[in-house]
């Protein structure tokens, strides 16, 4: 599992990869934890149950990132890891472990510009552009 950020004016591009599709989603949680929790004093440890639907894996990836941003914005929840992440044909469920904090209101939207989720030579990779 790995991730990296690419910067654009007013945008961040997230590129996540892993040996499995689930690893890509776990990488997205790690990326959002880094983005939203930087400089944050961790508060009370918490978990969230999450269910997200999407017509294909790329759409599901965008919806998952949107849900992570929504939890940060509305509840101050900073994810640390995805546990019990299960993918099926049209969605995913996961238990997110994290903490209550004061994440920056950074992510305005997840765009569909350059949105991708595909099998690569070393596993799976996905990308999405975040409007910040």
Foldseek 3Di string as FASTA:
>chain_A
DEWDWDDDVQKIKIKAFDQELVRRLQRLLQVQLCQFCVVKDFDDKDKDKDKFWAQQSLRQSQRSNVVQLVCCVPPQWRFHGWDPWDDDNTIIITMTITGRTNTDNRFPGKDCVQFDWDADPRHIMTMTMTRD
